Amino acid sequence: MAFINVRATVECDGCACHMIIELDAAEERPAHFSWSDLVEEAVRGGIALVSIRGMANASGMTSVQDGKCLCPDCTSQADEEAADDEDVGDDE
């Protein structure tokens, strides 16, 4: 039996929505990686998002920021907050 892909449901640490992430079972990975590591890497890479439960269309990039797995909306919000913090630091 050969696995082609594996789907995982991940809860966003920002808003608690449920993201469906698809993992490519044939992709090369370090031997010591657990399933949790693989899912986190997929979220960090932002390209494995299949859908978000309760949303008709899921688009955008997922991310891992400060150790938190974030959906596209929360990723955008965190990016904006980080940019605002950088702007404040430039003014000082």
PDB file of N, CA and C in Angstrom:
ATOM      1  N   MET A   1       0.852  -1.171   0.000  1.00  0.00           N
ATOM      2  CA  MET A   1       0.000   0.000   0.000  1.00  0.00           C
ATOM      3  C   MET A   1       0.900   1.236   0.000  1.00  0.00           C
ATOM      4  N   ALA A   2       0.573   2.176  -0.842  1.00  0.00           N
ATOM      5  CA  ALA A   2       1.338   3.420  -0.920  1.00  0.00           C
ATOM      6  C   ALA A   2       0.441   4.590  -0.547  1.00  0.00           C
ATOM      7  N   PHE A   3       0.924   5.428   0.347  1.00  0.00           N
ATOM      8  CA  PHE A   3       0.200   6.646   0.705  1.00  0.00           C
ATOM      9  C   PHE A   3       0.525   7.727  -0.309  1.00  0.00           C
ATOM     10  N   ILE A   4      -0.485   8.398  -0.804  1.00  0.00           N
ATOM     11  CA  ILE A   4      -0.283   9.484  -1.760  1.00  0.00           C
ATOM     12  C   ILE A   4      -0.289  10.819  -1.032  1.00  0.00           C
ATOM     13  N   ASN A   5      -1.295  11.025  -0.190  1.00  0.00           N
ATOM     14  CA  ASN A   5      -1.321  12.227   0.626  1.00  0.00           C
ATOM     15  C   ASN A   5      -2.039  11.935   1.934  1.00  0.00           C
ATOM     16  N   VAL A   6      -1.800  12.826   2.885  1.00  0.00           N
ATOM     17  CA  VAL A   6      -2.402  12.714   4.203  1.00  0.00           C
ATOM     18  C   VAL A   6      -2.980  14.083   4.537  1.00  0.00           C
ATOM     19  N   ARG A   7      -4.198  14.112   5.056  1.00  0.00           N
ATOM     20  CA  ARG A   7      -4.813  15.381   5.455  1.00  0.00           C
ATOM     21  C   ARG A   7      -4.861  15.460   6.972  1.00  0.00           C
ATOM     22  N   ALA A   8      -4.558  16.657   7.455  1.00  0.00           N
ATOM     23  CA  ALA A   8      -4.596  16.914   8.896  1.00  0.00           C
ATOM     24  C   ALA A   8      -5.462  18.139   9.150  1.00  0.00           C
ATOM     25  N   THR A   9      -6.205  18.103  10.235  1.00  0.00           N
ATOM     26  CA  THR A   9      -6.978  19.269  10.659  1.00  0.00           C
ATOM     27  C   THR A   9      -6.185  19.956  11.759  1.00  0.00           C
ATOM     28  N   VAL A  10      -5.925  21.242  11.556  1.00  0.00           N
ATOM     29  CA  VAL A  10      -5.113  22.018  12.477  1.00  0.00           C
ATOM     30  C   VAL A  10      -5.942  23.185  12.987  1.00  0.00           C
ATOM     31  N   GLU A  11      -5.927  23.402  14.288  1.00  0.00           N
ATOM     32  CA  GLU A  11      -6.643  24.545  14.846  1.00  0.00           C
ATOM     33  C   GLU A  11      -5.724  25.759  14.847  1.00  0.00           C
ATOM     34  N   CYS A  12      -6.218  26.861  14.310  1.00  0.00           N
ATOM     35  CA  CYS A  12      -5.468  28.112  14.307  1.00  0.00           C
ATOM     36  C   CYS A  12      -5.306  28.577  15.754  1.00  0.00           C
ATOM     37  N   ASP A  13      -4.085  28.921  16.137  1.00  0.00           N
ATOM     38  CA  ASP A  13      -3.827  29.395  17.493  1.00  0.00           C
ATOM     39  C   ASP A  13      -4.276  30.836  17.690  1.00  0.00           C
ATOM     40  N   GLY A  14      -4.691  31.492  16.610  1.00  0.00           N
ATOM     41  CA  GLY A  14      -5.173  32.857  16.718  1.00  0.00           C
ATOM     42  C   GLY A  14      -6.673  32.938  16.907  1.00  0.00           C
ATOM     43  N   CYS A  15      -7.433  32.278  16.026  1.00  0.00           N
ATOM     44  CA  CYS A  15      -8.895  32.410  16.046  1.00  0.00           C
ATOM     45  C   CYS A  15      -9.627  31.085  16.264  1.00  0.00           C
ATOM     46  N   ALA A  16      -8.899  29.996  16.360  1.00  0.00           N
ATOM     47  CA  ALA A  16      -9.445  28.658  16.621  1.00  0.00           C
ATOM     48  C   ALA A  16     -10.227  28.070  15.446  1.00  0.00           C
ATOM     49  N   CYS A  17     -10.114  28.653  14.245  1.00  0.00           N
ATOM     50  CA  CYS A  17     -10.736  28.010  13.088  1.00  0.00           C
ATOM     51  C   CYS A  17      -9.977  26.722  12.777  1.00  0.00           C
ATOM     52  N   HIS A  18     -10.613  25.831  12.039  1.00  0.00           N
ATOM     53  CA  HIS A  18      -9.991  24.554  11.703  1.00  0.00           C
ATOM     54  C   HIS A  18      -9.528  24.582  10.253  1.00  0.00           C
ATOM     55  N   MET A  19      -8.216  24.448  10.055  1.00  0.00           N
ATOM     56  CA  MET A  19      -7.616  24.429   8.727  1.00  0.00           C
ATOM     57  C   MET A  19      -7.373  22.987   8.319  1.00  0.00           C
ATOM     58  N   ILE A  20      -7.651  22.679   7.079  1.00  0.00           N
ATOM     59  CA  ILE A  20      -7.346  21.356   6.534  1.00  0.00           C
ATOM     60  C   ILE A  20      -6.040  21.499   5.747  1.00  0.00           C
ATOM     61  N   ILE A  21      -5.039  20.751   6.167  1.00  0.00           N
ATOM     62  CA  ILE A  21      -3.704  20.803   5.577  1.00  0.00           C
ATOM     63  C   ILE A  21      -3.445  19.478   4.870  1.00  0.00           C
ATOM     64  N   GLU A  22      -2.920  19.527   3.673  1.00  0.00           N
ATOM     65  CA  GLU A  22      -2.607  18.300   2.942  1.00  0.00           C
ATOM     66  C   GLU A  22      -1.098  18.117   2.879  1.00  0.00           C
ATOM     67  N   LEU A  23      -0.657  16.927   3.272  1.00  0.00           N
ATOM     68  CA  LEU A  23       0.760  16.577   3.262  1.00  0.00           C
ATOM     69  C   LEU A  23       1.038  15.619   2.119  1.00  0.00           C
ATOM     70  N   ASP A  24       2.126  15.826   1.431  1.00  0.00           N
ATOM     71  CA  ASP A  24       2.546  14.929   0.358  1.00  0.00           C
ATOM     72  C   ASP A  24       3.359  13.801   0.979  1.00  0.00           C
ATOM     73  N   ALA A  25       2.814  12.611   0.989  1.00  0.00           N
ATOM     74  CA  ALA A  25       3.466  11.479   1.639  1.00  0.00           C
ATOM     75  C   ALA A  25       4.781  11.092   0.970  1.00  0.00           C
ATOM     76  N   ALA A  26       4.964  11.453  -0.276  1.00  0.00           N
ATOM     77  CA  ALA A  26       6.180  11.085  -0.997  1.00  0.00           C
ATOM     78  C   ALA A  26       7.299  12.109  -0.810  1.00  0.00           C
ATOM     79  N   GLU A  27       7.000  13.239  -0.194  1.00  0.00           N
ATOM     80  CA  GLU A  27       7.998  14.299  -0.025  1.00  0.00           C
ATOM     81  C   GLU A  27       9.120  13.848   0.905  1.00  0.00           C
ATOM     82  N   GLU A  28      10.339  14.190   0.556  1.00  0.00           N
ATOM     83  CA  GLU A  28      11.494  13.869   1.396  1.00  0.00           C
ATOM     84  C   GLU A  28      11.423  14.688   2.677  1.00  0.00           C
ATOM     85  N   ARG A  29      11.792  14.065   3.783  1.00  0.00           N
ATOM     86  CA  ARG A  29      11.793  14.760   5.065  1.00  0.00           C
ATOM     87  C   ARG A  29      12.823  14.102   5.977  1.00  0.00           C
ATOM     88  N   PRO A  30      13.275  14.852   6.983  1.00  0.00           N
ATOM     89  CA  PRO A  30      14.233  14.255   7.924  1.00  0.00           C
ATOM     90  C   PRO A  30      13.636  13.037   8.623  1.00  0.00           C
ATOM     91  N   ALA A  31      14.442  12.036   8.838  1.00  0.00           N
ATOM     92  CA  ALA A  31      13.973  10.784   9.437  1.00  0.00           C
ATOM     93  C   ALA A  31      13.416  10.985  10.847  1.00  0.00           C
ATOM     94  N   HIS A  32      13.906  11.978  11.563  1.00  0.00           N
ATOM     95  CA  HIS A  32      13.468  12.192  12.946  1.00  0.00           C
ATOM     96  C   HIS A  32      12.171  12.991  13.051  1.00  0.00           C
ATOM     97  N   PHE A  33      11.614  13.476  11.934  1.00  0.00           N
ATOM     98  CA  PHE A  33      10.383  14.273  11.970  1.00  0.00           C
ATOM     99  C   PHE A  33       9.192  13.407  12.378  1.00  0.00           C
ATOM    100  N   SER A  34       8.380  13.946  13.281  1.00  0.00           N
ATOM    101  CA  SER A  34       7.116  13.307  13.663  1.00  0.00           C
ATOM    102  C   SER A  34       6.016  13.872  12.762  1.00  0.00           C
ATOM    103  N   TRP A  35       4.807  13.324  12.889  1.00  0.00           N
ATOM    104  CA  TRP A  35       3.682  13.872  12.125  1.00  0.00           C
ATOM    105  C   TRP A  35       3.432  15.321  12.519  1.00  0.00           C
ATOM    106  N   SER A  36       3.580  15.637  13.796  1.00  0.00           N
ATOM    107  CA  SER A  36       3.405  17.017  14.249  1.00  0.00           C
ATOM    108  C   SER A  36       4.404  17.948  13.576  1.00  0.00           C
ATOM    109  N   ASP A  37       5.655  17.493  13.466  1.00  0.00           N
ATOM    110  CA  ASP A  37       6.681  18.294  12.784  1.00  0.00           C
ATOM    111  C   ASP A  37       6.300  18.529  11.326  1.00  0.00           C
ATOM    112  N   LEU A  38       5.802  17.478  10.676  1.00  0.00           N
ATOM    113  CA  LEU A  38       5.432  17.598   9.263  1.00  0.00           C
ATOM    114  C   LEU A  38       4.282  18.580   9.067  1.00  0.00           C
ATOM    115  N   VAL A  39       3.293  18.510   9.949  1.00  0.00           N
ATOM    116  CA  VAL A  39       2.151  19.424   9.849  1.00  0.00           C
ATOM    117  C   VAL A  39       2.615  20.854  10.100  1.00  0.00           C
ATOM    118  N   GLU A  40       3.441  21.066  11.121  1.00  0.00           N
ATOM    119  CA  GLU A  40       3.929  22.415  11.409  1.00  0.00           C
ATOM    120  C   GLU A  40       4.730  22.970  10.232  1.00  0.00           C
ATOM    121  N   GLU A  41       5.559  22.153   9.625  1.00  0.00           N
ATOM    122  CA  GLU A  41       6.319  22.593   8.451  1.00  0.00           C
ATOM    123  C   GLU A  41       5.399  22.951   7.289  1.00  0.00           C
ATOM    124  N   ALA A  42       4.324  22.186   7.113  1.00  0.00           N
ATOM    125  CA  ALA A  42       3.368  22.480   6.047  1.00  0.00           C
ATOM    126  C   ALA A  42       2.668  23.811   6.303  1.00  0.00           C
ATOM    127  N   VAL A  43       2.286  24.056   7.552  1.00  0.00           N
ATOM    128  CA  VAL A  43       1.665  25.342   7.901  1.00  0.00           C
ATOM    129  C   VAL A  43       2.672  26.465   7.714  1.00  0.00           C
ATOM    130  N   ARG A  44       3.909  26.252   8.172  1.00  0.00           N
ATOM    131  CA  ARG A  44       4.964  27.268   8.035  1.00  0.00           C
ATOM    132  C   ARG A  44       5.204  27.597   6.565  1.00  0.00           C
ATOM    133  N   GLY A  45       5.171  26.581   5.721  1.00  0.00           N
ATOM    134  CA  GLY A  45       5.412  26.797   4.298  1.00  0.00           C
ATOM    135  C   GLY A  45       4.280  27.513   3.594  1.00  0.00           C
ATOM    136  N   GLY A  46       3.084  27.441   4.169  1.00  0.00           N
ATOM    137  CA  GLY A  46       1.949  28.192   3.657  1.00  0.00           C
ATOM    138  C   GLY A  46       1.352  27.709   2.358  1.00  0.00           C
ATOM    139  N   ILE A  47       1.753  26.538   1.890  1.00  0.00           N
ATOM    140  CA  ILE A  47       1.275  26.093   0.580  1.00  0.00           C
ATOM    141  C   ILE A  47       0.385  24.863   0.643  1.00  0.00           C
ATOM    142  N   ALA A  48       0.183  24.314   1.823  1.00  0.00           N
ATOM    143  CA  ALA A  48      -0.539  23.042   1.937  1.00  0.00           C
ATOM    144  C   ALA A  48      -2.000  23.210   2.335  1.00  0.00           C
ATOM    145  N   LEU A  49      -2.483  24.451   2.441  1.00  0.00           N
ATOM    146  CA  LEU A  49      -3.860  24.687   2.872  1.00  0.00           C
ATOM    147  C   LEU A  49      -4.845  24.203   1.826  1.00  0.00           C
ATOM    148  N   VAL A  50      -5.766  23.358   2.242  1.00  0.00           N
ATOM    149  CA  VAL A  50      -6.806  22.845   1.354  1.00  0.00           C
ATOM    150  C   VAL A  50      -8.098  23.616   1.578  1.00  0.00           C
ATOM    151  N   SER A  51      -8.484  23.767   2.841  1.00  0.00           N
ATOM    152  CA  SER A  51      -9.717  24.488   3.152  1.00  0.00           C
ATOM    153  C   SER A  51      -9.715  24.911   4.609  1.00  0.00           C
ATOM    154  N   ILE A  52     -10.672  25.772   4.927  1.00  0.00           N
ATOM    155  CA  ILE A  52     -10.918  26.156   6.306  1.00  0.00           C
ATOM    156  C   ILE A  52     -12.374  25.839   6.576  1.00  0.00           C
ATOM    157  N   ARG A  53     -12.627  25.059   7.593  1.00  0.00           N
ATOM    158  CA  ARG A  53     -14.004  24.664   7.898  1.00  0.00           C
ATOM    159  C   ARG A  53     -14.865  25.892   8.140  1.00  0.00           C
ATOM    160  N   GLY A  54     -16.031  25.913   7.498  1.00  0.00           N
ATOM    161  CA  GLY A  54     -16.965  27.009   7.660  1.00  0.00           C
ATOM    162  C   GLY A  54     -16.761  28.145   6.678  1.00  0.00           C
ATOM    163  N   MET A  55     -15.738  28.051   5.828  1.00  0.00           N
ATOM    164  CA  MET A  55     -15.481  29.091   4.830  1.00  0.00           C
ATOM    165  C   MET A  55     -15.625  28.482   3.448  1.00  0.00           C
ATOM    166  N   ALA A  56     -16.271  29.212   2.566  1.00  0.00           N
ATOM    167  CA  ALA A  56     -16.466  28.715   1.200  1.00  0.00           C
ATOM    168  C   ALA A  56     -15.141  28.645   0.451  1.00  0.00           C
ATOM    169  N   ASN A  57     -14.338  29.673   0.564  1.00  0.00           N
ATOM    170  CA  ASN A  57     -13.053  29.723  -0.140  1.00  0.00           C
ATOM    171  C   ASN A  57     -11.947  30.045   0.845  1.00  0.00           C
ATOM    172  N   ALA A  58     -10.948  29.220   0.873  1.00  0.00           N
ATOM    173  CA  ALA A  58      -9.781  29.486   1.705  1.00  0.00           C
ATOM    174  C   ALA A  58      -8.644  29.902   0.794  1.00  0.00           C
ATOM    175  N   SER A  59      -8.110  31.073   1.047  1.00  0.00           N
ATOM    176  CA  SER A  59      -6.969  31.515   0.252  1.00  0.00           C
ATOM    177  C   SER A  59      -6.035  32.309   1.146  1.00  0.00           C
ATOM    178  N   GLY A  60      -4.832  32.457   0.693  1.00  0.00           N
ATOM    179  CA  GLY A  60      -3.824  33.168   1.466  1.00  0.00           C
ATOM    180  C   GLY A  60      -2.807  32.203   2.036  1.00  0.00           C
ATOM    181  N   MET A  61      -1.874  32.774   2.752  1.00  0.00           N
ATOM    182  CA  MET A  61      -0.764  31.994   3.297  1.00  0.00           C
ATOM    183  C   MET A  61      -0.966  31.729   4.784  1.00  0.00           C
ATOM    184  N   THR A  62      -0.757  30.487   5.165  1.00  0.00           N
ATOM    185  CA  THR A  62      -0.707  30.140   6.582  1.00  0.00           C
ATOM    186  C   THR A  62       0.717  30.414   7.062  1.00  0.00           C
ATOM    187  N   SER A  63       0.916  30.401   8.372  1.00  0.00           N
ATOM    188  CA  SER A  63       2.272  30.617   8.883  1.00  0.00           C
ATOM    189  C   SER A  63       2.389  30.069  10.293  1.00  0.00           C
ATOM    190  N   VAL A  64       3.637  30.012  10.757  1.00  0.00           N
ATOM    191  CA  VAL A  64       3.930  29.749  12.156  1.00  0.00           C
ATOM    192  C   VAL A  64       4.712  30.961  12.637  1.00  0.00           C
ATOM    193  N   GLN A  65       4.140  31.700  13.582  1.00  0.00           N
ATOM    194  CA  GLN A  65       4.781  32.903  14.115  1.00  0.00           C
ATOM    195  C   GLN A  65       4.773  32.829  15.635  1.00  0.00           C
ATOM    196  N   ASP A  66       5.925  33.041  16.226  1.00  0.00           N
ATOM    197  CA  ASP A  66       6.076  32.929  17.685  1.00  0.00           C
ATOM    198  C   ASP A  66       5.566  31.591  18.200  1.00  0.00           C
ATOM    199  N   GLY A  67       5.779  30.531  17.414  1.00  0.00           N
ATOM    200  CA  GLY A  67       5.374  29.192  17.817  1.00  0.00           C
ATOM    201  C   GLY A  67       3.893  28.903  17.656  1.00  0.00           C
ATOM    202  N   LYS A  68       3.153  29.814  17.034  1.00  0.00           N
ATOM    203  CA  LYS A  68       1.711  29.638  16.851  1.00  0.00           C
ATOM    204  C   LYS A  68       1.399  29.346  15.395  1.00  0.00           C
ATOM    205  N   CYS A  69       0.581  28.323  15.149  1.00  0.00           N
ATOM    206  CA  CYS A  69       0.096  28.019  13.803  1.00  0.00           C
ATOM    207  C   CYS A  69      -1.064  28.955  13.506  1.00  0.00           C
ATOM    208  N   LEU A  70      -0.963  29.713  12.404  1.00  0.00           N
ATOM    209  CA  LEU A  70      -1.958  30.732  12.089  1.00  0.00           C
ATOM    210  C   LEU A  70      -2.591  30.518  10.722  1.00  0.00           C
ATOM    211  N   CYS A  71      -3.903  30.769  10.645  1.00  0.00           N
ATOM    212  CA  CYS A  71      -4.640  30.720   9.380  1.00  0.00           C
ATOM    213  C   CYS A  71      -4.262  31.958   8.546  1.00  0.00           C
ATOM    214  N   PRO A  72      -4.689  32.023   7.293  1.00  0.00           N
ATOM    215  CA  PRO A  72      -4.346  33.183   6.472  1.00  0.00           C
ATOM    216  C   PRO A  72      -4.784  34.529   7.070  1.00  0.00           C
ATOM    217  N   ASP A  73      -5.991  34.607   7.636  1.00  0.00           N
ATOM    218  CA  ASP A  73      -6.456  35.869   8.223  1.00  0.00           C
ATOM    219  C   ASP A  73      -5.586  36.283   9.411  1.00  0.00           C
ATOM    220  N   CYS A  74      -5.285  35.339  10.290  1.00  0.00           N
ATOM    221  CA  CYS A  74      -4.457  35.647  11.459  1.00  0.00           C
ATOM    222  C   CYS A  74      -3.013  35.929  11.052  1.00  0.00           C
ATOM    223  N   THR A  75      -2.527  35.273   9.989  1.00  0.00           N
ATOM    224  CA  THR A  75      -1.194  35.562   9.469  1.00  0.00           C
ATOM    225  C   THR A  75      -1.131  36.998   8.987  1.00  0.00           C
ATOM    226  N   SER A  76      -2.136  37.431   8.232  1.00  0.00           N
ATOM    227  CA  SER A  76      -2.177  38.818   7.741  1.00  0.00           C
ATOM    228  C   SER A  76      -2.192  39.801   8.900  1.00  0.00           C
ATOM    229  N   GLN A  77      -3.003  39.507   9.909  1.00  0.00           N
ATOM    230  CA  GLN A  77      -3.099  40.389  11.068  1.00  0.00           C
ATOM    231  C   GLN A  77      -1.759  40.459  11.808  1.00  0.00           C
ATOM    232  N   ALA A  78      -1.111  39.312  12.013  1.00  0.00           N
ATOM    233  CA  ALA A  78       0.183  39.283  12.703  1.00  0.00           C
ATOM    234  C   ALA A  78       1.247  40.023  11.894  1.00  0.00           C
ATOM    235  N   ASP A  79       1.214  39.877  10.570  1.00  0.00           N
ATOM    236  CA  ASP A  79       2.165  40.584   9.713  1.00  0.00           C
ATOM    237  C   ASP A  79       1.972  42.094   9.815  1.00  0.00           C
ATOM    238  N   GLU A  80       0.717  42.542   9.819  1.00  0.00           N
ATOM    239  CA  GLU A  80       0.423  43.968   9.936  1.00  0.00           C
ATOM    240  C   GLU A  80       0.897  44.513  11.284  1.00  0.00           C
ATOM    241  N   GLU A  81       0.644  43.758  12.356  1.00  0.00           N
ATOM    242  CA  GLU A  81       1.082  44.185  13.691  1.00  0.00           C
ATOM    243  C   GLU A  81       2.601  44.263  13.759  1.00  0.00           C
ATOM    244  N   ALA A  82       3.293  43.308  13.153  1.00  0.00           N
ATOM    245  CA  ALA A  82       4.755  43.325  13.150  1.00  0.00           C
ATOM    246  C   ALA A  82       5.276  44.527  12.373  1.00  0.00           C
ATOM    247  N   ALA A  83       4.632  44.836  11.242  1.00  0.00           N
ATOM    248  CA  ALA A  83       5.044  45.996  10.447  1.00  0.00           C
ATOM    249  C   ALA A  83       4.809  47.287  11.229  1.00  0.00           C
ATOM    250  N   ASP A  84       3.680  47.371  11.946  1.00  0.00           N
ATOM    251  CA  ASP A  84       3.397  48.554  12.761  1.00  0.00           C
ATOM    252  C   ASP A  84       4.438  48.702  13.861  1.00  0.00           C
ATOM    253  N   ASP A  85       4.827  47.594  14.485  1.00  0.00           N
ATOM    254  CA  ASP A  85       5.846  47.635  15.537  1.00  0.00           C
ATOM    255  C   ASP A  85       7.185  48.118  14.986  1.00  0.00           C
ATOM    256  N   GLU A  86       7.528  47.691  13.770  1.00  0.00           N
ATOM    257  CA  GLU A  86       8.767  48.134  13.134  1.00  0.00           C
ATOM    258  C   GLU A  86       8.715  49.622  12.838  1.00  0.00           C
ATOM    259  N   ASP A  87       7.563  50.110  12.387  1.00  0.00           N
ATOM    260  CA  ASP A  87       7.394  51.537  12.092  1.00  0.00           C
ATOM    261  C   ASP A  87       7.554  52.374  13.354  1.00  0.00           C
ATOM    262  N   VAL A  88       7.024  51.905  14.484  1.00  0.00           N
ATOM    263  CA  VAL A  88       7.151  52.612  15.752  1.00  0.00           C
ATOM    264  C   VAL A  88       8.599  52.664  16.163  1.00  0.00           C
ATOM    265  N   GLY A  89       9.326  51.564  15.971  1.00  0.00           N
ATOM    266  CA  GLY A  89      10.745  51.514  16.325  1.00  0.00           C
ATOM    267  C   GLY A  89      11.573  52.468  15.487  1.00  0.00           C
ATOM    268  N   ASP A  90      11.185  52.707  14.237  1.00  0.00           N
ATOM    269  CA  ASP A  90      11.915  53.627  13.367  1.00  0.00           C
ATOM    270  C   ASP A  90      11.756  55.058  13.800  1.00  0.00           C
ATOM    271  N   ASP A  91      10.633  55.390  14.462  1.00  0.00           N
ATOM    272  CA  ASP A  91      10.362  56.759  14.870  1.00  0.00           C
ATOM    273  C   ASP A  91      11.122  57.159  16.101  1.00  0.00           C
ATOM    274  N   GLU A  92      11.618  56.184  16.848  1.00  0.00           N
ATOM    275  CA  GLU A  92      12.276  56.497  18.114  1.00  0.00           C
ATOM    276  C   GLU A  92      13.712  56.891  17.928  1.00  0.00           C
TER     277      GLU A  92
END
